Amino acid sequence: MGKTLVVCFSASGITKNVAKVISKVVKGDLFEINPTTSYSAADLDWMNPKSRSSVEMGDVTSRPEISDRIDNLSEYDKIYLGFPIWWYVEPRIIDTFLEEYDFTNKVIIPFATSGGSDIKKAEDRMKKVCPACQWKSGKLLNGKVNKEIISSWIEGLN
């Protein structure tokens, strides 16, 4: 039986904190997706149509470069994939991640953080970006997320 990997992209640290809790609950390894060029506060200004994140999200073909790679992905059969919701969907760097690896025969379980959007549109988009894996229903995890909340969600997946 393969191992479990928790992967996250977290521009502000919120999603990373959730990912840490998940990795403890599932006893999985943790990998953070980091862009080659980090996002500044100005880059994340969603009110500015010229900010880096606004420009990336306005271009469905944008694929921000990732600084590190997972060399042993073949060891994992279950992957929890976390990200903040940007413009109702996953950030484009998540698409970069999904296109850079072969996820055939892998189970991916998405989770997200958001100030007001749900995860449904992101799930639909990611399934189109990466149809080779088996997708499980995702979960929006906002507010005070603890081991009990995570454990209950994960138990419900089985």
Protein backbone atom coordinates (compact mmCIF):
# COMPACT_ATOMS: atom_id res chain seq x y z
CA MET A 1 0.00 0.00 0.00
CA GLY A 2 1.31 3.43 -0.96
CA LYS A 3 1.85 6.39 1.28
CA THR A 4 -0.20 9.55 1.67
CA LEU A 5 1.05 12.96 0.58
CA VAL A 6 -0.41 16.33 1.54
CA VAL A 7 0.41 18.99 -1.03
CA CYS A 8 -0.48 22.64 -0.67
CA PHE A 9 -0.01 26.03 -2.22
CA SER A 10 -0.40 28.81 0.32
CA ALA A 11 0.38 32.40 -0.61
CA SER A 12 -0.49 33.77 2.84
CA GLY A 13 0.05 30.75 5.13
CA ILE A 14 -3.62 29.99 5.86
CA THR A 15 -3.85 26.94 3.59
CA LYS A 16 -0.46 25.70 4.79
CA ASN A 17 -1.73 25.68 8.39
CA VAL A 18 -4.69 23.53 7.33
CA ALA A 19 -2.35 21.23 5.38
CA LYS A 20 -0.20 20.72 8.48
CA VAL A 21 -3.24 19.54 10.45
CA ILE A 22 -4.27 17.19 7.64
CA SER A 23 -0.75 15.72 7.38
CA LYS A 24 -0.78 14.97 11.12
CA VAL A 25 -4.23 13.36 10.98
CA VAL A 26 -3.45 11.17 7.95
CA LYS A 27 0.18 10.60 8.99
CA GLY A 28 1.24 11.82 5.56
CA ASP A 29 4.22 13.64 4.20
CA LEU A 30 3.85 17.36 3.50
CA PHE A 31 4.99 19.17 0.35
CA GLU A 32 4.47 22.88 -0.21
CA ILE A 33 4.16 24.18 -3.77
CA ASN A 34 6.32 27.27 -3.96
CA PRO A 35 6.45 29.51 -7.02
CA THR A 36 9.86 30.28 -8.47
CA THR A 37 9.04 33.93 -7.79
CA SER A 38 7.22 34.42 -4.48
CA TYR A 39 4.03 36.45 -4.38
CA SER A 40 4.29 39.86 -2.73
CA ALA A 41 1.36 41.62 -1.11
CA ALA A 42 1.05 43.77 -4.25
CA ASP A 43 1.00 40.60 -6.39
CA LEU A 44 -1.96 39.31 -4.38
CA ASP A 45 -4.02 42.50 -4.62
CA TRP A 46 -7.17 41.12 -6.23
CA MET A 47 -8.62 44.63 -6.44
CA ASN A 48 -5.87 45.63 -8.88
CA PRO A 49 -6.53 44.19 -12.36
CA LYS A 50 -2.81 44.58 -13.15
CA SER A 51 -1.55 42.66 -10.11
CA ARG A 52 0.30 39.42 -10.82
CA SER A 53 -2.46 37.20 -9.43
CA SER A 54 -5.15 39.08 -11.39
CA VAL A 55 -3.18 38.75 -14.62
CA GLU A 56 -2.52 35.03 -14.03
CA MET A 57 -6.13 34.30 -13.17
CA GLY A 58 -7.31 36.24 -16.22
CA ASP A 59 -5.31 33.93 -18.48
CA VAL A 60 -6.47 30.28 -18.38
CA THR A 61 -3.21 29.22 -20.06
CA SER A 62 -1.01 30.83 -17.38
CA ARG A 63 1.23 28.29 -15.65
CA PRO A 64 3.41 29.88 -12.96
CA GLU A 65 6.66 28.00 -12.52
CA ILE A 66 7.16 25.85 -9.40
CA SER A 67 10.54 26.02 -7.64
CA ASP A 68 10.75 22.43 -6.28
CA ARG A 69 9.80 18.97 -7.50
CA ILE A 70 8.55 15.80 -5.85
CA ASP A 71 11.06 13.16 -6.88
CA ASN A 72 9.27 10.18 -5.33
CA LEU A 73 5.63 10.71 -6.36
CA SER A 74 5.40 7.05 -7.38
CA GLU A 75 5.53 6.11 -3.66
CA TYR A 76 2.20 7.84 -2.99
CA ASP A 77 -1.24 6.59 -3.91
CA LYS A 78 -3.34 9.19 -2.07
CA ILE A 79 -2.77 12.94 -2.36
CA TYR A 80 -4.57 15.67 -0.46
CA LEU A 81 -4.24 18.82 -2.56
CA GLY A 82 -4.81 22.18 -0.88
CA PHE A 83 -5.03 25.74 -2.15
CA PRO A 84 -6.80 29.04 -1.59
CA ILE A 85 -9.71 29.82 -3.88
CA TRP A 86 -8.79 32.64 -6.27
CA TRP A 87 -11.48 34.07 -8.55
CA TYR A 88 -13.78 31.12 -7.70
CA VAL A 89 -11.24 28.45 -8.79
CA GLU A 90 -7.81 27.06 -7.97
CA PRO A 91 -4.77 29.30 -8.53
CA ARG A 92 -3.03 28.65 -11.87
CA ILE A 93 0.02 27.25 -10.06
CA ILE A 94 -2.17 24.28 -9.05
CA ASP A 95 -2.77 23.65 -12.76
CA THR A 96 1.02 23.76 -13.24
CA PHE A 97 1.38 21.11 -10.54
CA LEU A 98 -1.34 18.88 -11.99
CA GLU A 99 0.21 19.03 -15.47
CA GLU A 100 3.80 18.37 -14.34
CA TYR A 101 3.23 14.87 -12.94
CA ASP A 102 1.62 11.61 -13.96
CA PHE A 103 -1.32 11.05 -11.60
CA THR A 104 -2.57 7.87 -13.27
CA ASN A 105 -3.96 5.51 -10.59
CA LYS A 106 -3.61 8.16 -7.88
CA VAL A 107 -6.45 9.39 -5.67
CA ILE A 108 -6.57 13.16 -5.26
CA ILE A 109 -8.65 14.76 -2.53
CA PRO A 110 -8.82 18.54 -2.83
CA PHE A 111 -9.24 20.96 0.03
CA ALA A 112 -9.39 24.72 -0.07
CA THR A 113 -9.60 27.88 1.96
CA SER A 114 -11.63 30.87 0.89
CA GLY A 115 -13.09 34.10 2.11
CA GLY A 116 -16.41 33.43 0.43
CA SER A 117 -16.29 31.00 -2.49
CA ASP A 118 -16.98 27.28 -2.45
CA ILE A 119 -14.76 24.57 -3.95
CA LYS A 120 -17.12 23.24 -6.66
CA LYS A 121 -15.84 25.30 -9.63
CA ALA A 122 -12.25 24.47 -8.71
CA GLU A 123 -13.07 20.76 -8.55
CA ASP A 124 -14.71 20.87 -11.98
CA ARG A 125 -11.75 22.72 -13.51
CA MET A 126 -9.11 20.45 -11.97
CA LYS A 127 -10.86 17.34 -13.25
CA LYS A 128 -10.47 18.74 -16.77
CA VAL A 129 -6.82 19.68 -16.20
CA CYS A 130 -5.99 16.25 -14.74
CA PRO A 131 -8.45 13.56 -15.85
CA ALA A 132 -6.02 10.65 -15.29
CA CYS A 133 -6.49 10.38 -11.54
CA GLN A 134 -9.41 9.41 -9.35
CA TRP A 135 -10.92 12.52 -7.78
CA LYS A 136 -12.67 12.43 -4.39
CA SER A 137 -15.06 15.16 -3.29
CA GLY A 138 -13.24 18.15 -1.90
CA LYS A 139 -13.81 20.19 1.20
CA LEU A 140 -13.71 23.89 1.96
CA LEU A 141 -11.93 24.28 5.29
CA ASN A 142 -12.30 27.76 6.75
CA GLY A 143 -12.13 29.21 10.22
CA LYS A 144 -10.75 27.27 13.14
CA VAL A 145 -9.75 23.95 11.67
CA ASN A 146 -8.68 21.32 14.17
CA LYS A 147 -7.91 17.61 14.24
CA GLU A 148 -11.52 16.72 15.09
CA ILE A 149 -12.94 18.57 12.07
CA ILE A 150 -10.31 17.07 9.77
CA SER A 151 -10.76 13.56 11.18
CA SER A 152 -14.52 13.73 10.73
CA TRP A 153 -14.14 14.85 7.09
CA ILE A 154 -11.59 12.13 6.31
CA GLU A 155 -13.68 9.42 7.94
CA GLY A 156 -16.59 10.51 5.75
CA LEU A 157 -14.48 9.97 2.63
CA ASN A 158 -14.13 6.24 3.30
